[in-house]
Amino acid sequence: MRIRVANAIRQTGELFSFEAAELFAEQEFGERTIAFSEPVSVSGTYVYDGKGFTVSGKAKCAVHTVCARCTKPIVDHLDVSFSERFVKGEGASLDDETYPYTGDELLLDKAVMDNLFLELPIASICREDCQGLCPVCGADRNATTCNCTIQEA
């Protein structure tokens, strides 16, 4: 996901808008594999201040996951706002709060993925009233009623 920024470099302080979309391959995040069910779409603005770019926008995507209660496959929709700083080069001038760029393009992939990963729910559920699996026999309590008794500790 790239933004061509040559005009912004020549027009310091001017706000430019952009839109981009890309279907990403599966991504590893911690112990999870994130699979996208549609392209990640990003829209927003960028401005050059003479030293670097500030990119602000919104990323939208849908990811394949499973319900934490009943383990059925579901699609989770994410809508994430972000604002990130890009500075030229790849060395000592960078810190944990900035992303590098070279030439007249900003590569947004890492910044967008970082922001999406931060907003991933710890656990997704298919619906609020999901009954989940029986802890005794493993039956899906949304589809069937089992005769198991659960003793409270």
N, C-alpha and C. Protein backbone atom coordinates (compact mmCIF):
# COMPACT_ATOMS: atom_id res chain seq x y z
N MET A 1 0.86 -1.16 0.00
CA MET A 1 0.00 0.00 0.00
C MET A 1 0.91 1.23 0.00
N ARG A 2 0.92 1.93 -1.11
CA ARG A 2 1.86 3.05 -1.28
C ARG A 2 1.11 4.36 -1.55
N ILE A 3 1.71 5.45 -1.07
CA ILE A 3 1.23 6.79 -1.38
C ILE A 3 2.38 7.53 -2.06
N ARG A 4 2.13 8.06 -3.22
CA ARG A 4 3.14 8.89 -3.90
C ARG A 4 3.03 10.31 -3.32
N VAL A 5 4.15 10.83 -2.80
CA VAL A 5 4.12 12.09 -2.06
C VAL A 5 5.00 13.19 -2.66
N ALA A 6 5.37 13.05 -3.92
CA ALA A 6 6.27 14.02 -4.54
C ALA A 6 5.69 15.44 -4.49
N ASN A 7 4.40 15.61 -4.76
CA ASN A 7 3.79 16.95 -4.71
C ASN A 7 3.82 17.54 -3.31
N ALA A 8 3.60 16.72 -2.31
CA ALA A 8 3.58 17.21 -0.92
C ALA A 8 4.96 17.70 -0.49
N ILE A 9 6.02 17.05 -0.97
CA ILE A 9 7.37 17.48 -0.62
C ILE A 9 7.63 18.88 -1.14
N ARG A 10 7.05 19.21 -2.29
CA ARG A 10 7.22 20.54 -2.88
C ARG A 10 6.26 21.57 -2.30
N GLN A 11 5.24 21.11 -1.58
CA GLN A 11 4.22 22.02 -1.04
C GLN A 11 4.09 21.82 0.48
N THR A 12 5.12 22.18 1.18
CA THR A 12 5.19 22.00 2.63
C THR A 12 3.98 22.62 3.31
N GLY A 13 3.38 21.86 4.20
CA GLY A 13 2.24 22.34 4.98
C GLY A 13 0.88 22.13 4.35
N GLU A 14 0.85 21.71 3.10
CA GLU A 14 -0.43 21.50 2.42
C GLU A 14 -0.96 20.09 2.69
N LEU A 15 -2.25 20.00 2.94
CA LEU A 15 -2.90 18.73 3.25
C LEU A 15 -3.34 18.03 1.96
N PHE A 16 -2.99 16.75 1.82
CA PHE A 16 -3.37 15.94 0.66
C PHE A 16 -4.20 14.77 1.15
N SER A 17 -5.13 14.31 0.34
CA SER A 17 -5.95 13.15 0.72
C SER A 17 -5.54 11.94 -0.12
N PHE A 18 -5.88 10.76 0.36
CA PHE A 18 -5.55 9.53 -0.35
C PHE A 18 -6.58 8.45 -0.02
N GLU A 19 -6.65 7.47 -0.90
CA GLU A 19 -7.42 6.24 -0.68
C GLU A 19 -6.60 5.09 -1.25
N ALA A 20 -6.62 3.97 -0.57
CA ALA A 20 -5.88 2.80 -1.05
C ALA A 20 -6.57 1.54 -0.53
N ALA A 21 -6.39 0.45 -1.24
CA ALA A 21 -6.92 -0.84 -0.80
C ALA A 21 -5.97 -1.92 -1.27
N GLU A 22 -5.83 -2.94 -0.43
CA GLU A 22 -4.95 -4.05 -0.79
C GLU A 22 -5.39 -5.29 -0.01
N LEU A 23 -5.38 -6.43 -0.71
CA LEU A 23 -5.66 -7.70 -0.05
C LEU A 23 -4.33 -8.24 0.46
N PHE A 24 -4.20 -8.33 1.78
CA PHE A 24 -2.97 -8.79 2.39
C PHE A 24 -3.00 -10.30 2.57
N ALA A 25 -1.84 -10.91 2.48
CA ALA A 25 -1.70 -12.33 2.80
C ALA A 25 -1.88 -12.50 4.31
N GLU A 26 -1.98 -13.74 4.76
CA GLU A 26 -2.09 -14.00 6.19
C GLU A 26 -0.91 -13.35 6.92
N GLN A 27 -1.19 -12.82 8.09
CA GLN A 27 -0.20 -12.16 8.91
C GLN A 27 -0.08 -12.88 10.25
N GLU A 28 1.14 -12.98 10.76
CA GLU A 28 1.37 -13.56 12.08
C GLU A 28 1.42 -12.44 13.10
N PHE A 29 0.67 -12.60 14.18
CA PHE A 29 0.68 -11.63 15.27
C PHE A 29 0.63 -12.39 16.58
N GLY A 30 1.75 -12.38 17.29
CA GLY A 30 1.82 -13.16 18.53
C GLY A 30 1.61 -14.63 18.21
N GLU A 31 0.67 -15.25 18.86
CA GLU A 31 0.34 -16.65 18.65
C GLU A 31 -0.78 -16.83 17.63
N ARG A 32 -1.22 -15.74 16.99
CA ARG A 32 -2.36 -15.80 16.09
C ARG A 32 -1.94 -15.64 14.64
N THR A 33 -2.71 -16.27 13.76
CA THR A 33 -2.58 -16.04 12.33
C THR A 33 -3.81 -15.26 11.90
N ILE A 34 -3.60 -14.09 11.32
CA ILE A 34 -4.69 -13.21 10.92
C ILE A 34 -4.90 -13.39 9.41
N ALA A 35 -6.11 -13.83 9.03
CA ALA A 35 -6.46 -14.02 7.62
C ALA A 35 -7.54 -13.01 7.25
N PHE A 36 -7.30 -12.24 6.22
CA PHE A 36 -8.23 -11.21 5.79
C PHE A 36 -9.23 -11.79 4.80
N SER A 37 -10.50 -11.44 4.96
CA SER A 37 -11.54 -11.97 4.08
C SER A 37 -11.86 -11.01 2.93
N GLU A 38 -11.28 -9.83 2.96
CA GLU A 38 -11.48 -8.84 1.90
C GLU A 38 -10.30 -7.87 1.94
N PRO A 39 -10.15 -7.04 0.93
CA PRO A 39 -9.04 -6.08 0.95
C PRO A 39 -9.15 -5.11 2.14
N VAL A 40 -8.01 -4.73 2.66
CA VAL A 40 -7.96 -3.69 3.69
C VAL A 40 -8.07 -2.36 2.95
N SER A 41 -9.04 -1.53 3.32
CA SER A 41 -9.17 -0.22 2.67
C SER A 41 -8.76 0.86 3.66
N VAL A 42 -8.01 1.83 3.14
CA VAL A 42 -7.50 2.92 3.96
C VAL A 42 -7.78 4.22 3.24
N SER A 43 -8.26 5.20 3.99
CA SER A 43 -8.45 6.55 3.44
C SER A 43 -8.00 7.54 4.50
N GLY A 44 -7.53 8.69 4.03
CA GLY A 44 -7.07 9.68 4.99
C GLY A 44 -6.36 10.83 4.35
N THR A 45 -5.50 11.47 5.14
CA THR A 45 -4.76 12.64 4.68
C THR A 45 -3.30 12.51 5.08
N TYR A 46 -2.45 13.26 4.39
CA TYR A 46 -1.04 13.36 4.76
C TYR A 46 -0.55 14.77 4.51
N VAL A 47 0.43 15.17 5.31
CA VAL A 47 1.01 16.51 5.19
C VAL A 47 2.50 16.41 5.45
N TYR A 48 3.27 17.19 4.71
CA TYR A 48 4.72 17.24 4.88
C TYR A 48 5.06 18.53 5.62
N ASP A 49 5.87 18.43 6.66
CA ASP A 49 6.22 19.62 7.47
C ASP A 49 7.66 20.08 7.27
N GLY A 50 8.33 19.56 6.26
CA GLY A 50 9.72 19.92 6.01
C GLY A 50 10.70 18.90 6.57
N LYS A 51 10.25 18.10 7.54
CA LYS A 51 11.11 17.08 8.14
C LYS A 51 10.55 15.68 7.96
N GLY A 52 9.27 15.57 7.78
CA GLY A 52 8.63 14.28 7.64
C GLY A 52 7.15 14.44 7.36
N PHE A 53 6.46 13.30 7.29
CA PHE A 53 5.04 13.28 6.98
C PHE A 53 4.23 12.82 8.19
N THR A 54 3.07 13.41 8.35
CA THR A 54 2.07 12.90 9.28
C THR A 54 0.93 12.35 8.44
N VAL A 55 0.65 11.07 8.62
CA VAL A 55 -0.42 10.41 7.89
C VAL A 55 -1.52 10.06 8.89
N SER A 56 -2.72 10.53 8.62
CA SER A 56 -3.88 10.24 9.48
C SER A 56 -4.97 9.63 8.63
N GLY A 57 -5.69 8.68 9.19
CA GLY A 57 -6.74 8.07 8.39
C GLY A 57 -7.52 7.02 9.14
N LYS A 58 -8.23 6.24 8.34
CA LYS A 58 -9.07 5.18 8.86
C LYS A 58 -8.84 3.94 8.02
N ALA A 59 -8.64 2.81 8.68
CA ALA A 59 -8.48 1.53 8.00
C ALA A 59 -9.67 0.65 8.33
N LYS A 60 -10.20 -0.02 7.30
CA LYS A 60 -11.32 -0.92 7.48
C LYS A 60 -10.96 -2.27 6.89
N CYS A 61 -11.34 -3.34 7.61
CA CYS A 61 -11.07 -4.67 7.09
C CYS A 61 -11.99 -5.68 7.76
N ALA A 62 -11.94 -6.89 7.24
CA ALA A 62 -12.67 -8.01 7.82
C ALA A 62 -11.69 -9.17 7.92
N VAL A 63 -11.68 -9.82 9.09
CA VAL A 63 -10.76 -10.93 9.31
C VAL A 63 -11.51 -12.19 9.68
N HIS A 64 -10.99 -13.32 9.21
CA HIS A 64 -11.54 -14.62 9.58
C HIS A 64 -11.09 -14.96 10.99
N THR A 65 -12.01 -15.44 11.80
CA THR A 65 -11.66 -15.86 13.15
C THR A 65 -12.68 -16.91 13.59
N VAL A 66 -12.61 -17.34 14.83
CA VAL A 66 -13.58 -18.29 15.37
C VAL A 66 -14.20 -17.72 16.63
N CYS A 67 -15.44 -18.09 16.89
CA CYS A 67 -16.13 -17.66 18.09
C CYS A 67 -15.44 -18.29 19.30
N ALA A 68 -15.17 -17.48 20.29
CA ALA A 68 -14.50 -17.96 21.50
C ALA A 68 -15.40 -18.85 22.36
N ARG A 69 -16.71 -18.81 22.11
CA ARG A 69 -17.63 -19.62 22.91
C ARG A 69 -17.99 -20.94 22.23
N CYS A 70 -18.33 -20.88 20.94
CA CYS A 70 -18.80 -22.10 20.25
C CYS A 70 -17.83 -22.63 19.20
N THR A 71 -16.77 -21.93 18.93
CA THR A 71 -15.71 -22.27 17.98
C THR A 71 -16.14 -22.31 16.51
N LYS A 72 -17.29 -21.74 16.18
CA LYS A 72 -17.70 -21.66 14.78
C LYS A 72 -16.93 -20.53 14.07
N PRO A 73 -16.61 -20.72 12.79
CA PRO A 73 -15.92 -19.66 12.05
C PRO A 73 -16.82 -18.43 11.88
N ILE A 74 -16.24 -17.26 12.04
CA ILE A 74 -16.95 -16.01 11.85
C ILE A 74 -16.03 -15.00 11.17
N VAL A 75 -16.59 -13.89 10.74
CA VAL A 75 -15.82 -12.79 10.18
C VAL A 75 -16.00 -11.60 11.11
N ASP A 76 -14.88 -11.03 11.56
CA ASP A 76 -14.89 -9.87 12.44
C ASP A 76 -14.54 -8.64 11.62
N HIS A 77 -15.33 -7.57 11.73
CA HIS A 77 -15.08 -6.33 11.00
C HIS A 77 -14.37 -5.33 11.92
N LEU A 78 -13.30 -4.76 11.43
CA LEU A 78 -12.53 -3.77 12.19
C LEU A 78 -12.56 -2.43 11.47
N ASP A 79 -12.67 -1.38 12.25
CA ASP A 79 -12.68 -0.01 11.74
C ASP A 79 -11.76 0.78 12.67
N VAL A 80 -10.56 1.13 12.20
CA VAL A 80 -9.51 1.66 13.06
C VAL A 80 -9.06 3.03 12.57
N SER A 81 -9.03 4.00 13.46
CA SER A 81 -8.45 5.32 13.15
C SER A 81 -6.99 5.31 13.57
N PHE A 82 -6.16 6.05 12.83
CA PHE A 82 -4.73 6.09 13.16
C PHE A 82 -4.13 7.42 12.74
N SER A 83 -3.00 7.72 13.33
CA SER A 83 -2.17 8.87 12.94
C SER A 83 -0.73 8.45 13.17
N GLU A 84 0.08 8.46 12.12
CA GLU A 84 1.46 7.99 12.21
C GLU A 84 2.41 8.98 11.55
N ARG A 85 3.65 8.94 12.01
CA ARG A 85 4.70 9.82 11.52
C ARG A 85 5.69 9.03 10.68
N PHE A 86 6.06 9.57 9.52
CA PHE A 86 7.06 8.97 8.63
C PHE A 86 8.21 9.96 8.47
N VAL A 87 9.46 9.46 8.67
CA VAL A 87 10.64 10.30 8.49
C VAL A 87 11.59 9.63 7.50
N LYS A 88 12.35 10.46 6.82
CA LYS A 88 13.25 9.96 5.78
C LYS A 88 14.42 9.20 6.39
N GLY A 89 14.78 8.07 5.76
CA GLY A 89 15.94 7.31 6.18
C GLY A 89 15.57 6.09 6.99
N GLU A 90 16.61 5.35 7.38
CA GLU A 90 16.40 4.11 8.12
C GLU A 90 17.44 3.92 9.20
N GLY A 91 17.80 4.95 9.91
CA GLY A 91 18.90 4.75 10.85
C GLY A 91 18.63 5.36 12.20
N ALA A 92 19.62 6.07 12.69
CA ALA A 92 19.59 6.61 14.05
C ALA A 92 18.48 7.62 14.27
N SER A 93 17.99 8.26 13.20
CA SER A 93 16.95 9.27 13.37
C SER A 93 15.58 8.66 13.65
N LEU A 94 15.45 7.35 13.47
CA LEU A 94 14.17 6.68 13.70
C LEU A 94 14.06 6.23 15.15
N ASP A 95 12.82 6.20 15.62
CA ASP A 95 12.55 5.67 16.95
C ASP A 95 11.33 4.77 16.86
N ASP A 96 10.83 4.32 18.00
CA ASP A 96 9.67 3.42 18.01
C ASP A 96 8.38 4.09 17.60
N GLU A 97 8.39 5.40 17.48
CA GLU A 97 7.18 6.15 17.17
C GLU A 97 7.09 6.58 15.71
N THR A 98 8.09 6.25 14.89
CA THR A 98 8.08 6.69 13.50
C THR A 98 8.33 5.52 12.55
N TYR A 99 7.97 5.73 11.29
CA TYR A 99 8.20 4.76 10.23
C TYR A 99 9.10 5.42 9.19
N PRO A 100 9.98 4.63 8.56
CA PRO A 100 10.89 5.22 7.57
C PRO A 100 10.24 5.34 6.19
N TYR A 101 10.75 6.25 5.40
CA TYR A 101 10.41 6.29 3.98
C TYR A 101 11.65 6.69 3.20
N THR A 102 11.67 6.33 1.92
CA THR A 102 12.74 6.74 1.02
C THR A 102 12.10 7.22 -0.27
N GLY A 103 12.78 8.08 -0.97
CA GLY A 103 12.27 8.57 -2.25
C GLY A 103 11.02 9.40 -2.08
N ASP A 104 10.07 9.20 -3.00
CA ASP A 104 8.84 9.99 -2.96
C ASP A 104 7.60 9.12 -2.75
N GLU A 105 7.77 8.01 -2.02
CA GLU A 105 6.64 7.13 -1.69
C GLU A 105 6.66 6.77 -0.21
N LEU A 106 5.47 6.70 0.35
CA LEU A 106 5.32 6.18 1.71
C LEU A 106 4.73 4.79 1.58
N LEU A 107 5.35 3.83 2.23
CA LEU A 107 4.84 2.46 2.27
C LEU A 107 4.06 2.32 3.57
N LEU A 108 2.74 2.16 3.46
CA LEU A 108 1.86 2.17 4.63
C LEU A 108 1.63 0.81 5.27
N ASP A 109 2.05 -0.27 4.63
CA ASP A 109 1.70 -1.61 5.10
C ASP A 109 1.96 -1.82 6.60
N LYS A 110 3.17 -1.57 7.05
CA LYS A 110 3.52 -1.84 8.45
C LYS A 110 2.72 -0.96 9.41
N ALA A 111 2.57 0.31 9.10
CA ALA A 111 1.82 1.23 9.97
C ALA A 111 0.36 0.80 10.07
N VAL A 112 -0.24 0.41 8.95
CA VAL A 112 -1.64 -0.03 8.96
C VAL A 112 -1.78 -1.33 9.74
N MET A 113 -0.89 -2.30 9.48
CA MET A 113 -0.96 -3.58 10.20
C MET A 113 -0.77 -3.37 11.70
N ASP A 114 0.20 -2.55 12.09
CA ASP A 114 0.42 -2.29 13.52
C ASP A 114 -0.85 -1.76 14.18
N ASN A 115 -1.51 -0.84 13.53
CA ASN A 115 -2.73 -0.26 14.10
C ASN A 115 -3.89 -1.25 14.12
N LEU A 116 -4.02 -2.08 13.09
CA LEU A 116 -5.06 -3.11 13.09
C LEU A 116 -4.82 -4.14 14.19
N PHE A 117 -3.57 -4.56 14.35
CA PHE A 117 -3.24 -5.55 15.39
C PHE A 117 -3.57 -5.03 16.78
N LEU A 118 -3.33 -3.74 17.01
CA LEU A 118 -3.63 -3.16 18.31
C LEU A 118 -5.13 -3.17 18.62
N GLU A 119 -5.95 -3.17 17.59
CA GLU A 119 -7.40 -3.12 17.78
C GLU A 119 -8.08 -4.49 17.68
N LEU A 120 -7.32 -5.54 17.41
CA LEU A 120 -7.92 -6.88 17.36
C LEU A 120 -8.52 -7.23 18.71
N PRO A 121 -9.75 -7.73 18.71
CA PRO A 121 -10.31 -8.15 20.00
C PRO A 121 -9.55 -9.36 20.54
N ILE A 122 -9.46 -9.46 21.85
CA ILE A 122 -8.80 -10.60 22.48
C ILE A 122 -9.56 -11.87 22.13
N ALA A 123 -10.88 -11.78 22.17
CA ALA A 123 -11.73 -12.91 21.83
C ALA A 123 -12.96 -12.39 21.09
N SER A 124 -13.33 -13.04 20.01
CA SER A 124 -14.50 -12.67 19.24
C SER A 124 -15.63 -13.65 19.54
N ILE A 125 -16.85 -13.15 19.48
CA ILE A 125 -18.01 -14.04 19.64
C ILE A 125 -18.94 -13.83 18.47
N CYS A 126 -19.66 -14.91 18.11
CA CYS A 126 -20.53 -14.87 16.93
C CYS A 126 -21.77 -14.01 17.17
N ARG A 127 -22.27 -14.03 18.39
CA ARG A 127 -23.41 -13.18 18.77
C ARG A 127 -23.45 -13.08 20.28
N GLU A 128 -24.06 -12.04 20.78
CA GLU A 128 -24.06 -11.78 22.23
C GLU A 128 -24.66 -12.92 23.04
N ASP A 129 -25.68 -13.58 22.50
CA ASP A 129 -26.36 -14.63 23.26
C ASP A 129 -25.84 -16.04 22.94
N CYS A 130 -24.62 -16.14 22.39
CA CYS A 130 -24.04 -17.44 22.10
C CYS A 130 -23.90 -18.23 23.40
N GLN A 131 -24.40 -19.47 23.39
CA GLN A 131 -24.36 -20.34 24.57
C GLN A 131 -23.05 -21.11 24.70
N GLY A 132 -22.29 -21.20 23.62
CA GLY A 132 -21.01 -21.88 23.66
C GLY A 132 -21.14 -23.39 23.68
N LEU A 133 -20.04 -24.04 24.01
CA LEU A 133 -19.98 -25.50 24.07
C LEU A 133 -20.20 -25.97 25.50
N CYS A 134 -20.83 -27.13 25.63
CA CYS A 134 -21.00 -27.73 26.95
C CYS A 134 -19.61 -28.14 27.46
N PRO A 135 -19.25 -27.74 28.66
CA PRO A 135 -17.92 -28.09 29.17
C PRO A 135 -17.78 -29.57 29.53
N VAL A 136 -18.90 -30.30 29.56
CA VAL A 136 -18.85 -31.72 29.91
C VAL A 136 -18.76 -32.58 28.65
N CYS A 137 -19.73 -32.43 27.74
CA CYS A 137 -19.77 -33.30 26.56
C CYS A 137 -19.31 -32.62 25.28
N GLY A 138 -19.17 -31.29 25.29
CA GLY A 138 -18.70 -30.57 24.10
C GLY A 138 -19.76 -30.24 23.09
N ALA A 139 -21.03 -30.50 23.39
CA ALA A 139 -22.12 -30.20 22.46
C ALA A 139 -22.26 -28.69 22.28
N ASP A 140 -22.63 -28.29 21.08
CA ASP A 140 -22.91 -26.88 20.81
C ASP A 140 -24.27 -26.56 21.42
N ARG A 141 -24.28 -25.77 22.48
CA ARG A 141 -25.53 -25.49 23.19
C ARG A 141 -26.43 -24.51 22.43
N ASN A 142 -25.97 -23.96 21.30
CA ASN A 142 -26.82 -23.16 20.44
C ASN A 142 -27.70 -24.05 19.57
N ALA A 143 -27.22 -25.26 19.28
CA ALA A 143 -27.91 -26.16 18.36
C ALA A 143 -28.65 -27.29 19.05
N THR A 144 -28.24 -27.66 20.25
CA THR A 144 -28.83 -28.81 20.91
C THR A 144 -28.84 -28.59 22.41
N THR A 145 -29.67 -29.35 23.08
CA THR A 145 -29.69 -29.33 24.54
C THR A 145 -29.17 -30.67 25.03
N CYS A 146 -28.15 -30.61 25.86
CA CYS A 146 -27.62 -31.87 26.40
C CYS A 146 -28.16 -32.04 27.82
N ASN A 147 -28.00 -33.22 28.36
CA ASN A 147 -28.50 -33.53 29.70
C ASN A 147 -27.39 -33.51 30.74
N CYS A 148 -26.28 -32.88 30.43
CA CYS A 148 -25.15 -32.85 31.36
C CYS A 148 -25.47 -31.91 32.53
N THR A 149 -24.96 -32.29 33.69
CA THR A 149 -25.10 -31.41 34.86
C THR A 149 -23.73 -30.86 35.20
N ILE A 150 -23.72 -29.59 35.44
CA ILE A 150 -22.46 -28.91 35.77
C ILE A 150 -22.52 -28.55 37.26
N GLN A 151 -21.57 -29.05 38.00
CA GLN A 151 -21.53 -28.77 39.44
C GLN A 151 -20.73 -27.50 39.68
N GLU A 152 -21.33 -26.61 40.47
CA GLU A 152 -20.66 -25.35 40.84
C GLU A 152 -19.62 -25.65 41.90
N ALA A 153 -18.47 -25.08 41.82
CA ALA A 153 -17.39 -25.30 42.80
C ALA A 153 -17.54 -24.37 43.98
